Each structure stands twice: as structure tokens, then as C-alpha cells.
Amino acid sequence: TPPTGQYEVAVIRANISLYDLVDLPFELYYSSGQFGYQQPFNQFGVSPRISDWLTLHAGYFSTQFSNLSYGDLRMLGGGFELTPGNFRLKAVYGRTRQPVEADRVSFRPEVYGQNAYAASIGYGNMSKTYFNINVFHAIDDSSSVKTDTIMVLPNENLVTSVDLGIRFGRFVTFRGEAALSAFSSNTMATPIDAIALPELIFTPNNSTRIDGAARADINITPSKYWSVLLSSKYVGPGFTTLGYALMPNDLMEFTVSPRLRLLKNKLNIRSRVGVRYNNLRQSKMSTTNRFTGMLNANWQINKHVGLDVNYNKNQIESLHKNDTLRLSNVFSSYSVTPRFNFNALGGTNNLIFTYSFQDVSDQNVFTSLVTDNNTHTATLVHALSHANSLSLTTTALFNRTLMNALDSRIFHFNETVGYR
């Protein structure tokens, strides 16, 4: 934090629509305390949508091209997205990370500035059958920091992918993507002269590794009352895309997600069961298995009363032979949400109450002292809307987290008044 320990933060979003032809969304992020973030907090961006086939980007913006190439980076630059009919052409360019000098007092290492571009071309109906080719490239600017260091090395990354969708008859839809990644962990390493590529595309060197990733989804909907989604994903140990800040690699996962609609669509049930494991090429001391499960039910009892119930479980287990290094971690959560809708106080009322419980159980004798915890959360939301466009929203929240050495309690109250 700054020396005073206080700073101001503001987030402003505005949208201007002109005759349903031009849509101008603005975003402004401001903070009086900028202290070493990779991306500065004071940001302004605009992404005007002109008609239904052209979007422009300027300033700070974010967009997604595909699941394995480029998607969650916030970029300072510009670009366009052309979508006339079934044809698609997208291109963006800018800085995805600002440079930060090292801090010798706090031992914070320097961060190189990073520039990136992404492009995509495709054709087809995205809800039925389509085909896209995507390219993403990012490179660290080794001259962006003044510190002479060998602790942090500049990187370069090139990702190419093909994603497609195919509709088989009325009931089956396939969606998939295959990607190839080239990643250099040190752009100053000795180049490989036998592989000559334009500098704009990629410069292979002795630190470059190449690997692949793929994902596939099959959605089966034989009836409007039930369906099932089969998903699989493979990400090689050496696959890296800087277009996603936190995408893990070295994993294989399979997921089954059935869905049901009962009681004349008043009861909707969604569930998911999946397994994930790593150490795909036996390059680690142990393989880690992960089980994930989810059950969600939404019941609209009548036009005034509804009920939501949710359950999640995430279990991780390591197969290491040494018992003291074995990892067994179980995360479970439950939530119940009754909903009420009624007319009173001169308007329409929505009353929602949610109680949730989360439990983390760690079977490792060393790490359980700091990871074991359970959390209780209760939230009450009341929204009142009047016919004259006046709206009031009241939120009250209580949260309690219990750990071995900590008992944390949070009380929160918020009132929002709007007039349109």
C-alpha cells in the first residue's frame, strides 16, 4: 500500500446507443495508488459496435478468440472484429503487460513489458457448423526495464489453433479445437539457424519448446427434456499460451454433464462428474488425480416461490510413495437459495436468501494446519422496482471462516437506489 495506507478507487462504465446502429461502451478504471501492478489500474477503453457486424477496440479492452489461444488478457492497443453474415475476421494488437522495475527493498523482481497480437479468420454459423483459424503471438520487451538481471528472463510465445463445430442431424453437435504452441523461456538464447522464420512470427532458439493441446465436446440433445455433454481436454506438459494468464498444462481430463427438465420445465437439474490427472509423460515424481462433481437444481414451485440447491465437490489426491509427501485435499460446498416474488410497497419485489457452507479438508499432516477451514455465508437480497423506473436494492451479508488459528467474521450491508 502507499505510505499513507489509503488510496481511492473508481470504476465507471457507460454505454451510448445511437438509433440501434452504433453501440459505444466506455470503461474507466482509476486508482490513486499504482504500486507495481503488471497492468496499470488507471485505464480507459472504448469498443464501439457499429451495426451487428463490426466492432472496433481502442485503449484498454479484452476479447476472446478461442479456448486454447487467446482469451483473458486485457490489452492496451486497438483492433477490429468483422462478422458480416457467416464470415469472421478479427485482429488485435497492443501491450498486454507494462514493465515494472525491481524493488531491492521488498525483493520484488522486475517485470518486462509485453507486446502481443492475435488474429482469427473463419466461416460458418457459430451455433451449428463453423471453422476458425487462430494465431496468437506475444514477446517480452527485454529493453523495457533498466535493471541488468539474470533472475528474470524475457519470453516469446506463438500459438496457432484450429477450432470447429459440426452439427450432426438434429440431436448431436461436436465442438473441438487443436492447438500448437512454441514457447521460448529466454529470447536472448542462441538462435537455431536451421529454422528461419520472420521475426514478426517467431524466433526459435535453444530455449524453445513445442507442444500441443486439444479439446473436444459432444453435446447430445435427443429431447427437450434431457441432454448430456461429453467433454475431454488434453494439454501437453510443454504447451504454453500467454494469451491466458493462468491456463494450467500437463493435464488430461474427461467430464460428463447430464441435464434434466421435469415438471413441465419447472424443475431443472444439472450435474457434472469429471476426472483430471497430470504427469502425462512421467516427468514428475508422482501423478495427481482430481475428481470434480457438481449437482444443481432449480425449482420454480409457482410464480411466486422458487428454490435453488447446489452441491460441489473437488477432491485431489497424489500417488506419491512417500506418505509424508502424499496430497489428499477435499473441497465441498453446499448452498440453498429460496426465492420469492410478490407485489407490495407500490411495486414488484424480489426477495432472495442464500445460505452456503464450504469445507476444506486436508489429509496431509504438514499442510492441514494452515489449509483446513470451513466457511458459513448468509446473504439476503431485496429488490423493489416501481413502475416509474425507481428501483431500490438492499443487500445484507454475513460470512464466518474458521481455521485452526483464525476466526474471521464479515458483516456487509449495501443499499442501491436507481432511477431511469
Protein backbone atom coordinates (compact mmCIF):
# COMPACT_ATOMS: atom_id res chain seq x y z
CA THR A 1 0.00 0.00 0.00
CA PRO A 2 1.12 3.64 -0.31
CA PRO A 3 2.87 5.30 2.65
CA THR A 4 -0.45 6.73 3.88
CA GLY A 5 -2.11 3.32 3.77
CA GLN A 6 -5.08 4.82 1.89
CA TYR A 7 -5.96 5.21 -1.77
CA GLU A 8 -9.02 5.85 -3.93
CA VAL A 9 -10.51 3.50 -6.48
CA ALA A 10 -13.20 4.25 -9.08
CA VAL A 11 -14.73 2.16 -11.86
CA ILE A 12 -17.03 3.84 -14.37
CA ARG A 13 -18.87 2.12 -17.21
CA ALA A 14 -21.09 3.96 -19.67
CA ASN A 15 -22.89 2.94 -22.83
CA ILE A 16 -24.18 5.16 -25.64
CA SER A 17 -26.58 3.78 -28.27
CA LEU A 18 -27.35 5.66 -31.49
CA TYR A 19 -30.51 4.59 -33.32
CA ASP A 20 -29.78 0.88 -32.68
CA LEU A 21 -26.95 1.11 -35.21
CA VAL A 22 -23.97 2.20 -33.11
CA ASP A 23 -23.22 0.99 -29.60
CA LEU A 24 -20.41 2.76 -27.68
CA PRO A 25 -19.44 1.07 -24.39
CA PHE A 26 -16.84 3.02 -22.35
CA GLU A 27 -14.79 1.75 -19.41
CA LEU A 28 -12.70 3.82 -16.99
CA TYR A 29 -10.62 2.31 -14.19
CA TYR A 30 -8.92 4.71 -11.80
CA SER A 31 -6.78 4.25 -8.71
CA SER A 32 -4.65 6.79 -6.85
CA GLY A 33 -2.30 4.03 -5.72
CA GLN A 34 -0.26 2.41 -8.50
CA PHE A 35 2.42 0.30 -6.94
CA GLY A 36 3.85 -2.36 -9.15
CA TYR A 37 0.91 -4.00 -10.92
CA GLN A 38 1.78 -5.69 -14.20
CA GLN A 39 -1.04 -3.73 -15.81
CA PRO A 40 -1.68 -0.18 -14.53
CA PHE A 41 -5.05 0.33 -12.89
CA ASN A 42 -5.80 3.72 -14.47
CA GLN A 43 -7.39 2.52 -17.71
CA PHE A 44 -9.74 3.88 -20.34
CA GLY A 45 -11.12 1.96 -23.26
CA VAL A 46 -13.90 2.05 -25.82
CA SER A 47 -15.20 -0.78 -28.02
CA PRO A 48 -17.85 0.68 -30.36
CA ARG A 49 -20.17 -1.79 -32.06
CA ILE A 50 -21.31 -0.48 -35.43
CA SER A 51 -24.38 -2.28 -36.70
CA ASP A 52 -24.29 -6.03 -35.97
CA TRP A 53 -21.16 -6.93 -37.94
CA LEU A 54 -18.34 -4.54 -36.91
CA THR A 55 -16.71 -3.98 -33.52
CA LEU A 56 -13.71 -1.70 -33.01
CA HIS A 57 -11.36 -1.66 -30.00
CA ALA A 58 -9.27 1.24 -28.71
CA GLY A 59 -7.47 1.84 -25.42
CA TYR A 60 -7.83 -0.92 -22.85
CA PHE A 61 -10.05 -3.82 -23.91
CA SER A 62 -10.46 -7.57 -23.66
CA THR A 63 -11.92 -10.11 -26.07
CA GLN A 64 -11.73 -13.86 -26.73
CA PHE A 65 -10.67 -15.66 -29.90
CA SER A 66 -10.67 -19.32 -28.77
CA ASN A 67 -10.30 -21.50 -25.69
CA LEU A 68 -6.68 -22.51 -26.33
CA SER A 69 -5.13 -19.45 -27.97
CA TYR A 70 -6.15 -16.02 -26.68
CA GLY A 71 -8.90 -15.02 -24.31
CA ASP A 72 -8.44 -13.38 -20.90
CA LEU A 73 -5.67 -10.81 -21.36
CA ARG A 74 -6.53 -7.13 -21.05
CA MET A 75 -4.74 -5.31 -23.85
CA LEU A 76 -3.74 -1.68 -24.37
CA GLY A 77 -3.96 -1.10 -28.10
CA GLY A 78 -6.51 -1.50 -30.84
CA GLY A 79 -8.23 -3.91 -33.15
CA PHE A 80 -11.36 -4.87 -35.04
CA GLU A 81 -13.84 -7.74 -35.32
CA LEU A 82 -15.65 -8.18 -38.63
CA THR A 83 -18.61 -10.57 -38.64
CA PRO A 84 -20.71 -9.94 -41.80
CA GLY A 85 -23.00 -12.93 -42.21
CA ASN A 86 -21.13 -16.19 -41.66
CA PHE A 87 -17.70 -14.69 -42.37
CA ARG A 88 -15.40 -13.66 -39.48
CA LEU A 89 -12.15 -11.69 -39.45
CA LYS A 90 -10.59 -10.46 -36.20
CA ALA A 91 -7.26 -8.81 -35.39
CA VAL A 92 -5.90 -7.03 -32.29
CA TYR A 93 -2.53 -5.62 -31.31
CA GLY A 94 -1.20 -3.94 -28.19
CA ARG A 95 0.66 -4.15 -24.89
CA THR A 96 -0.54 -6.88 -22.54
CA ARG A 97 1.84 -6.13 -19.67
CA GLN A 98 3.54 -2.96 -18.50
CA PRO A 99 7.18 -3.01 -17.34
CA VAL A 100 7.93 -2.82 -13.62
CA GLU A 101 11.40 -2.13 -12.20
CA ALA A 102 12.77 -4.37 -9.47
CA ASP A 103 12.36 -3.35 -5.84
CA ARG A 104 15.50 -4.26 -3.89
CA VAL A 105 13.86 -3.48 -0.55
CA SER A 106 10.96 -5.92 -0.90
CA PHE A 107 12.95 -8.26 -3.21
CA ARG A 108 10.28 -7.91 -5.87
CA PRO A 109 11.75 -8.90 -9.25
CA GLU A 110 11.42 -6.80 -12.37
CA VAL A 111 8.70 -7.44 -14.94
CA TYR A 112 9.28 -6.98 -18.66
CA GLY A 113 6.77 -5.13 -20.78
CA GLN A 114 4.99 -7.48 -23.18
CA ASN A 115 3.55 -6.83 -26.64
CA ALA A 116 1.12 -9.16 -28.39
CA TYR A 117 -1.05 -9.58 -31.45
CA ALA A 118 -3.82 -12.02 -32.28
CA ALA A 119 -5.72 -12.77 -35.48
CA SER A 120 -8.57 -15.08 -36.43
CA ILE A 121 -10.35 -15.91 -39.66
CA GLY A 122 -13.33 -18.21 -40.03
CA TYR A 123 -16.60 -19.05 -41.67
CA GLY A 124 -19.87 -20.64 -40.61
CA ASN A 125 -22.70 -20.39 -38.12
CA MET A 126 -21.20 -20.48 -34.60
CA SER A 127 -24.31 -22.24 -33.24
CA LYS A 128 -24.18 -25.00 -35.87
CA THR A 129 -21.24 -25.68 -38.20
CA TYR A 130 -18.16 -23.42 -38.36
CA PHE A 131 -14.39 -23.34 -38.85
CA ASN A 132 -11.81 -20.86 -37.45
CA ILE A 133 -8.03 -20.46 -37.72
CA ASN A 134 -6.42 -18.54 -34.83
CA VAL A 135 -2.93 -17.11 -34.27
CA PHE A 136 -1.55 -15.51 -31.11
CA HIS A 137 1.96 -14.10 -30.58
CA ALA A 138 3.47 -12.42 -27.51
CA ILE A 139 7.02 -11.30 -26.78
CA ASP A 140 8.67 -9.61 -23.80
CA ASP A 141 10.49 -6.34 -24.44
CA SER A 142 13.92 -7.04 -22.95
CA SER A 143 14.81 -3.32 -23.12
CA SER A 144 11.75 -2.21 -21.14
CA VAL A 145 13.47 -2.45 -17.73
CA LYS A 146 16.72 -0.78 -16.78
CA THR A 147 17.90 -3.38 -14.30
CA ASP A 148 20.64 -5.73 -15.50
CA THR A 149 19.45 -9.13 -14.33
CA ILE A 150 19.62 -12.85 -14.98
CA MET A 151 16.91 -13.68 -12.45
CA VAL A 152 14.04 -12.92 -14.84
CA LEU A 153 14.35 -13.90 -18.49
CA PRO A 154 12.30 -12.48 -21.40
CA ASN A 155 9.86 -14.88 -23.09
CA GLU A 156 8.32 -15.32 -26.52
CA ASN A 157 5.23 -17.34 -27.39
CA LEU A 158 3.48 -18.35 -30.61
CA VAL A 159 0.20 -20.29 -30.62
CA THR A 160 -1.75 -21.46 -33.64
CA SER A 161 -5.05 -23.30 -33.38
CA VAL A 162 -7.98 -24.55 -35.39
CA ASP A 163 -11.41 -24.68 -33.75
CA LEU A 164 -14.51 -26.01 -35.42
CA GLY A 165 -18.07 -27.08 -34.82
CA ILE A 166 -20.15 -29.66 -36.70
CA ARG A 167 -23.88 -30.27 -36.37
CA PHE A 168 -24.84 -33.92 -36.97
CA GLY A 169 -28.55 -34.10 -37.68
CA ARG A 170 -30.90 -32.62 -35.10
CA PHE A 171 -29.51 -34.09 -31.90
CA VAL A 172 -25.68 -34.13 -31.92
CA THR A 173 -23.23 -31.21 -32.02
CA PHE A 174 -19.45 -31.50 -31.97
CA ARG A 175 -17.12 -28.67 -30.95
CA GLY A 176 -13.36 -29.02 -30.82
CA GLU A 177 -10.03 -27.25 -31.03
CA ALA A 178 -6.45 -28.35 -31.67
CA ALA A 179 -3.53 -26.04 -30.88
CA LEU A 180 0.25 -25.99 -31.22
CA SER A 181 2.46 -23.82 -29.03
CA ALA A 182 6.06 -22.68 -29.39
CA PHE A 183 7.49 -21.08 -26.25
CA SER A 184 10.97 -19.63 -25.65
CA SER A 185 11.86 -19.15 -21.98
CA ASN A 186 14.78 -16.88 -22.92
CA THR A 187 14.68 -14.76 -26.07
CA MET A 188 18.41 -13.99 -25.62
CA ALA A 189 19.41 -17.63 -26.06
CA THR A 190 21.32 -18.76 -29.18
CA PRO A 191 19.01 -18.81 -32.23
CA ILE A 192 18.52 -22.01 -34.23
CA ASP A 193 19.77 -21.07 -37.69
CA ALA A 194 18.31 -24.19 -39.31
CA ILE A 195 14.80 -22.87 -38.65
CA ALA A 196 14.45 -19.41 -40.15
CA LEU A 197 11.14 -17.63 -39.56
CA PRO A 198 10.29 -13.95 -39.94
CA GLU A 199 10.94 -12.09 -36.67
CA LEU A 200 7.31 -10.97 -36.59
CA ILE A 201 6.19 -14.61 -36.37
CA PHE A 202 8.72 -16.32 -34.06
CA THR A 203 12.47 -16.75 -33.48
CA PRO A 204 13.33 -20.33 -32.41
CA ASN A 205 16.35 -20.68 -30.12
CA ASN A 206 17.93 -23.16 -27.73
CA SER A 207 15.30 -22.45 -25.05
CA THR A 208 12.30 -23.12 -27.32
CA ARG A 209 9.89 -25.95 -26.57
CA ILE A 210 6.97 -27.07 -28.74
CA ASP A 211 3.89 -28.93 -27.57
CA GLY A 212 0.22 -29.34 -28.34
CA ALA A 213 -3.22 -29.17 -26.76
CA ALA A 214 -6.71 -30.25 -27.80
CA ARG A 215 -10.25 -30.25 -26.53
CA ALA A 216 -13.49 -31.82 -27.74
CA ASP A 217 -17.14 -31.51 -26.69
CA ILE A 218 -20.06 -33.65 -27.87
CA ASN A 219 -23.49 -32.34 -26.97
CA ILE A 220 -26.33 -34.88 -27.30
CA THR A 221 -29.88 -33.47 -27.09
CA PRO A 222 -32.36 -36.20 -28.13
CA SER A 223 -35.18 -34.49 -26.22
CA LYS A 224 -36.05 -31.06 -24.93
CA TYR A 225 -36.36 -32.67 -21.50
CA TRP A 226 -32.87 -34.13 -21.20
CA SER A 227 -29.39 -33.89 -22.73
CA VAL A 228 -25.81 -34.85 -21.98
CA LEU A 229 -22.49 -33.12 -22.70
CA LEU A 230 -19.31 -35.23 -23.07
CA SER A 231 -16.09 -33.23 -22.76
CA SER A 232 -12.40 -34.04 -22.95
CA LYS A 233 -9.25 -31.94 -22.79
CA TYR A 234 -5.53 -32.58 -23.28
CA VAL A 235 -2.81 -30.01 -22.58
CA GLY A 236 0.78 -31.18 -23.05
CA PRO A 237 3.40 -30.50 -20.36
CA GLY A 238 5.22 -28.07 -22.66
CA PHE A 239 2.15 -26.29 -24.01
CA THR A 240 2.11 -22.61 -23.07
CA THR A 241 -0.14 -19.79 -24.18
CA LEU A 242 0.46 -16.32 -22.79
CA GLY A 243 -2.98 -15.45 -24.16
CA TYR A 244 -4.44 -16.98 -20.98
CA ALA A 245 -2.79 -15.78 -17.80
CA LEU A 246 -3.49 -18.85 -15.65
CA MET A 247 -4.07 -21.78 -18.03
CA PRO A 248 -2.55 -24.96 -16.49
CA ASN A 249 -0.72 -27.51 -18.61
CA ASP A 250 0.26 -31.17 -18.22
CA LEU A 251 -3.30 -32.44 -17.82
CA MET A 252 -5.84 -34.83 -19.26
CA GLU A 253 -9.48 -34.59 -18.20
CA PHE A 254 -12.84 -36.16 -19.03
CA THR A 255 -16.23 -34.80 -17.99
CA VAL A 256 -19.84 -35.98 -18.27
CA SER A 257 -22.58 -33.36 -17.76
CA PRO A 258 -26.21 -34.58 -17.91
CA ARG A 259 -29.16 -32.17 -17.72
CA LEU A 260 -32.85 -32.82 -16.96
CA ARG A 261 -36.06 -30.79 -17.22
CA LEU A 262 -39.00 -32.09 -15.18
CA LEU A 263 -42.44 -30.99 -14.01
CA LYS A 264 -43.19 -29.12 -17.24
CA ASN A 265 -39.84 -27.33 -17.14
CA LYS A 266 -40.41 -26.06 -13.60
CA LEU A 267 -37.58 -28.26 -12.25
CA ASN A 268 -34.19 -28.07 -13.96
CA ILE A 269 -31.38 -30.36 -12.80
CA ARG A 270 -27.79 -30.01 -14.00
CA SER A 271 -24.89 -32.19 -12.92
CA ARG A 272 -21.25 -32.75 -13.80
CA VAL A 273 -18.79 -35.52 -12.98
CA GLY A 274 -15.19 -35.38 -14.11
CA VAL A 275 -11.66 -36.67 -13.55
CA ARG A 276 -8.34 -35.00 -14.26
CA TYR A 277 -4.78 -36.26 -13.97
CA ASN A 278 -1.32 -34.97 -14.80
CA ASN A 279 2.22 -36.34 -15.22
CA LEU A 280 1.32 -37.28 -18.80
CA ARG A 281 4.89 -38.16 -19.80
CA GLN A 282 6.08 -39.48 -16.43
CA SER A 283 8.33 -36.46 -15.96
CA LYS A 284 7.34 -35.91 -12.31
CA MET A 285 7.84 -37.91 -9.14
CA SER A 286 4.13 -38.56 -8.77
CA THR A 287 0.80 -38.35 -10.56
CA THR A 288 -2.01 -36.24 -9.11
CA ASN A 289 -5.63 -37.25 -9.65
CA ARG A 290 -8.55 -34.85 -9.31
CA PHE A 291 -12.25 -35.68 -9.05
CA THR A 292 -14.89 -32.99 -9.58
CA GLY A 293 -18.61 -33.26 -9.09
CA MET A 294 -21.49 -30.81 -9.19
CA LEU A 295 -25.26 -31.03 -8.74
CA ASN A 296 -27.52 -28.02 -9.25
CA ALA A 297 -31.32 -27.96 -9.05
CA ASN A 298 -33.64 -25.01 -9.83
CA TRP A 299 -37.30 -25.48 -8.90
CA GLN A 300 -39.87 -22.82 -9.73
CA ILE A 301 -42.60 -24.06 -7.37
CA ASN A 302 -45.11 -21.47 -8.54
CA LYS A 303 -45.00 -17.96 -9.97
CA HIS A 304 -44.17 -16.51 -6.54
CA VAL A 305 -41.80 -19.07 -4.98
CA GLY A 306 -38.63 -20.75 -6.23
CA LEU A 307 -35.82 -22.83 -4.75
CA ASP A 308 -32.19 -23.37 -5.82
CA VAL A 309 -29.95 -26.09 -4.37
CA ASN A 310 -26.28 -26.53 -5.25
CA TYR A 311 -23.59 -29.06 -4.28
CA ASN A 312 -19.93 -29.13 -5.35
CA LYS A 313 -17.08 -31.49 -4.56
CA ASN A 314 -13.45 -31.27 -5.64
CA GLN A 315 -11.01 -33.93 -4.45
CA ILE A 316 -7.27 -34.02 -5.19
CA GLU A 317 -5.06 -36.99 -4.42
CA SER A 318 -1.37 -37.59 -5.04
CA LEU A 319 0.00 -41.07 -5.65
CA HIS A 320 3.47 -40.36 -4.23
CA LYS A 321 5.03 -43.37 -2.48
CA ASN A 322 6.29 -41.33 0.49
CA ASP A 323 3.32 -40.92 2.83
CA THR A 324 4.55 -37.57 4.17
CA LEU A 325 4.50 -36.13 0.65
CA ARG A 326 1.10 -37.51 -0.33
CA LEU A 327 -1.54 -34.92 -1.05
CA SER A 328 -5.19 -35.52 -0.31
CA ASN A 329 -7.40 -32.46 -0.32
CA VAL A 330 -11.20 -32.44 -0.36
CA PHE A 331 -13.27 -29.33 -1.03
CA SER A 332 -17.02 -29.46 -0.60
CA SER A 333 -19.67 -26.77 -0.75
CA TYR A 334 -23.43 -26.67 -0.28
CA SER A 335 -25.91 -23.86 -0.84
CA VAL A 336 -29.67 -23.39 -0.53
CA THR A 337 -31.47 -20.38 -2.03
CA PRO A 338 -35.20 -19.80 -1.61
CA ARG A 339 -36.62 -17.06 -3.89
CA PHE A 340 -39.81 -15.04 -3.52
CA ASN A 341 -41.58 -12.69 -5.92
CA PHE A 342 -44.56 -10.58 -4.86
CA ASN A 343 -46.25 -7.20 -5.23
CA ALA A 344 -46.05 -4.83 -2.28
CA LEU A 345 -44.84 -1.35 -1.28
CA GLY A 346 -46.14 0.04 -4.56
CA GLY A 347 -44.02 -2.15 -6.82
CA THR A 348 -42.61 -5.56 -7.71
CA ASN A 349 -40.50 -7.25 -5.01
CA ASN A 350 -37.85 -9.93 -5.33
CA LEU A 351 -36.56 -11.45 -2.10
CA ILE A 352 -33.64 -13.90 -2.23
CA PHE A 353 -31.96 -15.62 0.72
CA THR A 354 -28.86 -17.78 0.32
CA TYR A 355 -27.06 -19.93 2.87
CA SER A 356 -23.86 -21.68 1.85
CA PHE A 357 -21.32 -23.86 3.63
CA GLN A 358 -17.83 -24.62 2.36
CA ASP A 359 -15.46 -27.15 3.88
CA VAL A 360 -11.81 -27.81 3.04
CA SER A 361 -10.28 -30.97 4.50
CA ASP A 362 -6.55 -31.62 4.02
CA GLN A 363 -5.24 -35.06 4.93
CA ASN A 364 -1.58 -34.01 4.81
CA VAL A 365 -0.21 -33.75 8.37
CA PHE A 366 2.04 -30.79 7.49
CA THR A 367 -0.20 -28.57 5.35
CA SER A 368 -3.51 -29.23 7.11
CA LEU A 369 -2.62 -26.80 9.91
CA VAL A 370 -2.96 -23.88 7.51
CA THR A 371 -5.40 -25.20 4.90
CA ASP A 372 -8.18 -26.87 6.91
CA ASN A 373 -11.13 -24.47 7.10
CA ASN A 374 -14.88 -24.15 6.83
CA THR A 375 -16.94 -21.13 5.87
CA HIS A 376 -20.54 -20.18 6.56
CA THR A 377 -22.15 -17.45 4.42
CA ALA A 378 -25.65 -15.99 4.60
CA THR A 379 -26.89 -13.39 2.10
CA LEU A 380 -30.23 -11.59 1.94
CA VAL A 381 -31.12 -9.50 -1.13
CA HIS A 382 -34.32 -7.49 -1.56
CA ALA A 383 -35.05 -5.67 -4.83
CA LEU A 384 -38.01 -3.29 -5.24
CA SER A 385 -38.94 -1.92 -8.68
CA HIS A 386 -41.58 0.75 -9.20
CA ALA A 387 -43.47 1.45 -12.40
CA ASN A 388 -41.93 4.96 -12.54
CA SER A 389 -38.45 3.40 -13.06
CA LEU A 390 -37.39 3.89 -9.43
CA SER A 391 -35.56 0.85 -8.05
CA LEU A 392 -34.09 0.02 -4.65
CA THR A 393 -31.82 -2.94 -3.90
CA THR A 394 -30.84 -3.90 -0.35
CA THR A 395 -28.10 -6.45 0.36
CA ALA A 396 -27.07 -7.85 3.74
CA LEU A 397 -24.28 -10.41 4.11
CA PHE A 398 -22.65 -12.35 6.94
CA ASN A 399 -19.58 -14.52 6.46
CA ARG A 400 -17.65 -16.56 9.02
CA THR A 401 -14.45 -18.50 8.24
CA LEU A 402 -12.99 -20.89 10.81
CA MET A 403 -9.38 -22.09 10.60
CA ASN A 404 -7.01 -23.60 13.14
CA ALA A 405 -5.58 -20.20 14.07
CA LEU A 406 -8.22 -17.83 12.74
CA ASP A 407 -11.87 -16.97 13.26
CA SER A 408 -12.86 -14.36 10.67
CA ARG A 409 -16.26 -12.65 10.59
CA ILE A 410 -17.51 -10.22 7.95
CA PHE A 411 -20.67 -8.14 8.06
CA HIS A 412 -21.72 -6.22 4.96
CA PHE A 413 -24.69 -4.01 4.14
CA ASN A 414 -25.36 -2.24 0.85
CA GLU A 415 -28.21 -0.07 -0.46
CA THR A 416 -28.51 0.91 -4.12
CA VAL A 417 -31.05 3.43 -5.40
CA GLY A 418 -31.58 3.90 -9.12
CA TYR A 419 -33.85 5.98 -11.31
CA ARG A 420 -34.05 5.59 -15.08
